[in-house]
C-alpha atoms as a PDB file:
ATOM      1  CA  UNK A   1     147.807 141.775 151.583  1.00  0.00           C
ATOM      2  CA  UNK A   2     149.787 143.335 148.719  1.00  0.00           C
ATOM      3  CA  UNK A   3     153.443 144.228 148.736  1.00  0.00           C
ATOM      4  CA  UNK A   4     154.502 147.831 148.288  1.00  0.00           C
ATOM      5  CA  UNK A   5     157.167 149.343 146.069  1.00  0.00           C
ATOM      6  CA  UNK A   6     159.007 152.562 146.789  1.00  0.00           C
ATOM      7  CA  UNK A   7     160.323 154.135 143.595  1.00  0.00           C
ATOM      8  CA  UNK A   8     162.825 156.984 143.954  1.00  0.00           C
ATOM      9  CA  UNK A   9     164.549 158.649 140.999  1.00  0.00           C
ATOM     10  CA  UNK A  10     167.410 161.119 141.277  1.00  0.00           C
ATOM     11  CA  UNK A  11     170.680 162.311 139.838  1.00  0.00           C
ATOM     12  CA  UNK A  12     174.011 162.257 141.586  1.00  0.00           C
ATOM     13  CA  UNK A  13     175.796 165.442 142.585  1.00  0.00           C
ATOM     14  CA  UNK A  14     178.110 166.515 139.776  1.00  0.00           C
ATOM     15  CA  UNK A  15     181.555 164.999 140.090  1.00  0.00           C
ATOM     16  CA  UNK A  16     180.403 162.022 142.182  1.00  0.00           C
ATOM     17  CA  UNK A  17     182.227 158.739 141.798  1.00  0.00           C
ATOM     18  CA  UNK A  18     179.835 155.958 140.754  1.00  0.00           C
ATOM     19  CA  UNK A  19     182.074 153.346 142.361  1.00  0.00           C
ATOM     20  CA  UNK A  20     182.168 155.211 145.676  1.00  0.00           C
ATOM     21  CA  UNK A  21     178.408 155.814 145.539  1.00  0.00           C
ATOM     22  CA  UNK A  22     177.775 152.090 145.054  1.00  0.00           C
ATOM     23  CA  UNK A  23     180.087 151.229 147.958  1.00  0.00           C
ATOM     24  CA  UNK A  24     178.260 153.705 150.195  1.00  0.00           C
ATOM     25  CA  UNK A  25     174.922 152.278 148.993  1.00  0.00           C
ATOM     26  CA  UNK A  26     176.005 148.761 149.918  1.00  0.00           C
ATOM     27  CA  UNK A  27     177.017 149.876 153.401  1.00  0.00           C
ATOM     28  CA  UNK A  28     173.679 151.681 153.835  1.00  0.00           C
ATOM     29  CA  UNK A  29     171.898 148.523 152.729  1.00  0.00           C
ATOM     30  CA  UNK A  30     173.827 146.314 155.159  1.00  0.00           C
ATOM     31  CA  UNK A  31     173.646 148.616 158.178  1.00  0.00           C
ATOM     32  CA  UNK A  32     170.335 150.459 157.824  1.00  0.00           C
ATOM     33  CA  UNK A  33     167.900 149.185 155.201  1.00  0.00           C
ATOM     34  CA  UNK A  34     168.038 145.382 155.146  1.00  0.00           C
ATOM     35  CA  UNK A  35     167.330 144.911 158.878  1.00  0.00           C
ATOM     36  CA  UNK A  36     164.099 146.944 158.721  1.00  0.00           C
ATOM     37  CA  UNK A  37     160.726 145.299 159.225  1.00  0.00           C
ATOM     38  CA  UNK A  38     159.123 144.196 155.993  1.00  0.00           C
ATOM     39  CA  UNK A  39     162.099 144.870 153.742  1.00  0.00           C
ATOM     40  CA  UNK A  40     162.295 142.506 150.740  1.00  0.00           C
ATOM     41  CA  UNK A  41     164.838 143.937 148.298  1.00  0.00           C
ATOM     42  CA  UNK A  42     166.500 147.036 146.872  1.00  0.00           C
ATOM     43  CA  UNK A  43     167.533 147.400 143.262  1.00  0.00           C
ATOM     44  CA  UNK A  44     169.551 150.333 142.008  1.00  0.00           C
ATOM     45  CA  UNK A  45     168.962 151.120 138.355  1.00  0.00           C
ATOM     46  CA  UNK A  46     170.627 153.696 136.137  1.00  0.00           C
ATOM     47  CA  UNK A  47     170.018 155.108 132.674  1.00  0.00           C
ATOM     48  CA  UNK A  48     172.285 157.922 131.614  1.00  0.00           C
ATOM     49  CA  UNK A  49     172.594 160.211 134.629  1.00  0.00           C
ATOM     50  CA  UNK A  50     169.271 159.214 136.230  1.00  0.00           C
ATOM     51  CA  UNK A  51     169.300 156.665 139.026  1.00  0.00           C
ATOM     52  CA  UNK A  52     166.331 154.773 140.431  1.00  0.00           C
ATOM     53  CA  UNK A  53     166.124 153.087 143.805  1.00  0.00           C
ATOM     54  CA  UNK A  54     163.479 150.397 143.609  1.00  0.00           C
ATOM     55  CA  UNK A  55     162.659 148.825 146.960  1.00  0.00           C
ATOM     56  CA  UNK A  56     159.980 146.299 147.746  1.00  0.00           C
ATOM     57  CA  UNK A  57     158.355 145.926 151.147  1.00  0.00           C
ATOM     58  CA  UNK A  58     155.916 143.402 152.582  1.00  0.00           C
ATOM     59  CA  UNK A  59     153.311 146.120 153.182  1.00  0.00           C
ATOM     60  CA  UNK A  60     152.708 149.781 152.420  1.00  0.00           C
ATOM     61  CA  UNK A  61     152.844 150.405 156.157  1.00  0.00           C
ATOM     62  CA  UNK A  62     156.371 148.930 156.318  1.00  0.00           C
ATOM     63  CA  UNK A  63     157.541 151.117 153.427  1.00  0.00           C
ATOM     64  CA  UNK A  64     156.046 154.301 154.828  1.00  0.00           C
ATOM     65  CA  UNK A  65     157.277 153.521 158.350  1.00  0.00           C
ATOM     66  CA  UNK A  66     160.791 153.191 156.993  1.00  0.00           C
ATOM     67  CA  UNK A  67     160.515 156.560 155.250  1.00  0.00           C
ATOM     68  CA  UNK A  68     158.945 158.277 158.267  1.00  0.00           C
ATOM     69  CA  UNK A  69     161.454 156.872 160.746  1.00  0.00           C
ATOM     70  CA  UNK A  70     164.616 157.245 158.678  1.00  0.00           C
ATOM     71  CA  UNK A  71     167.217 159.374 160.406  1.00  0.00           C
ATOM     72  CA  UNK A  72     169.001 161.640 157.883  1.00  0.00           C
ATOM     73  CA  UNK A  73     171.656 162.250 160.541  1.00  0.00           C
ATOM     74  CA  UNK A  74     172.556 158.573 160.742  1.00  0.00           C
ATOM     75  CA  UNK A  75     176.180 158.505 159.519  1.00  0.00           C
ATOM     76  CA  UNK A  76     175.473 155.839 156.865  1.00  0.00           C
ATOM     77  CA  UNK A  77     172.410 157.696 155.565  1.00  0.00           C
ATOM     78  CA  UNK A  78     174.189 161.066 155.660  1.00  0.00           C
ATOM     79  CA  UNK A  79     177.040 159.689 153.541  1.00  0.00           C
ATOM     80  CA  UNK A  80     174.549 158.230 151.031  1.00  0.00           C
ATOM     81  CA  UNK A  81     172.541 161.477 150.873  1.00  0.00           C
ATOM     82  CA  UNK A  82     175.719 163.474 150.234  1.00  0.00           C
ATOM     83  CA  UNK A  83     175.750 161.955 146.727  1.00  0.00           C
ATOM     84  CA  UNK A  84     172.134 162.860 145.884  1.00  0.00           C
ATOM     85  CA  UNK A  85     171.097 165.969 143.942  1.00  0.00           C
ATOM     86  CA  UNK A  86     167.902 166.659 145.888  1.00  0.00           C
ATOM     87  CA  UNK A  87     166.586 169.081 143.247  1.00  0.00           C
ATOM     88  CA  UNK A  88     166.256 166.077 140.923  1.00  0.00           C
ATOM     89  CA  UNK A  89     164.681 163.666 143.424  1.00  0.00           C
ATOM     90  CA  UNK A  90     161.200 162.212 142.873  1.00  0.00           C
ATOM     91  CA  UNK A  91     159.658 159.662 145.212  1.00  0.00           C
ATOM     92  CA  UNK A  92     156.496 157.569 144.933  1.00  0.00           C
ATOM     93  CA  UNK A  93     154.943 154.577 146.659  1.00  0.00           C
ATOM     94  CA  UNK A  94     152.977 151.970 144.728  1.00  0.00           C
ATOM     95  CA  UNK A  95     150.945 148.933 145.715  1.00  0.00           C
ATOM     96  CA  UNK A  96     151.779 145.763 143.804  1.00  0.00           C
ATOM     97  CA  UNK A  97     148.559 144.607 142.164  1.00  0.00           C
ATOM     98  CA  UNK A  98     149.947 141.633 140.268  1.00  0.00           C
ATOM     99  CA  UNK A  99     153.299 140.007 139.602  1.00  0.00           C
ATOM    100  CA  UNK A 100     154.052 137.739 136.669  1.00  0.00           C
END
């Protein structure tokens, strides 16, 4: 069975503090994301004003279950989402075919 990657790119809301965003991201990771079934890792990447969340999951089902069952009203998620410019957001799932 192949792992799955969830690739999400976005920009932050104008005026957002990068340091505060990263603190909120870490809390979201600790409280919400890392305990989920099949979670492997989350990397946050940035180039200019574009951010990428790169998460790997044991299976595509685990990744999609996390997305489908995420509660945007969860206080940790809501705080994280308050930083995201949703007009800029793009999200895709990929199956890992080979790792080197």
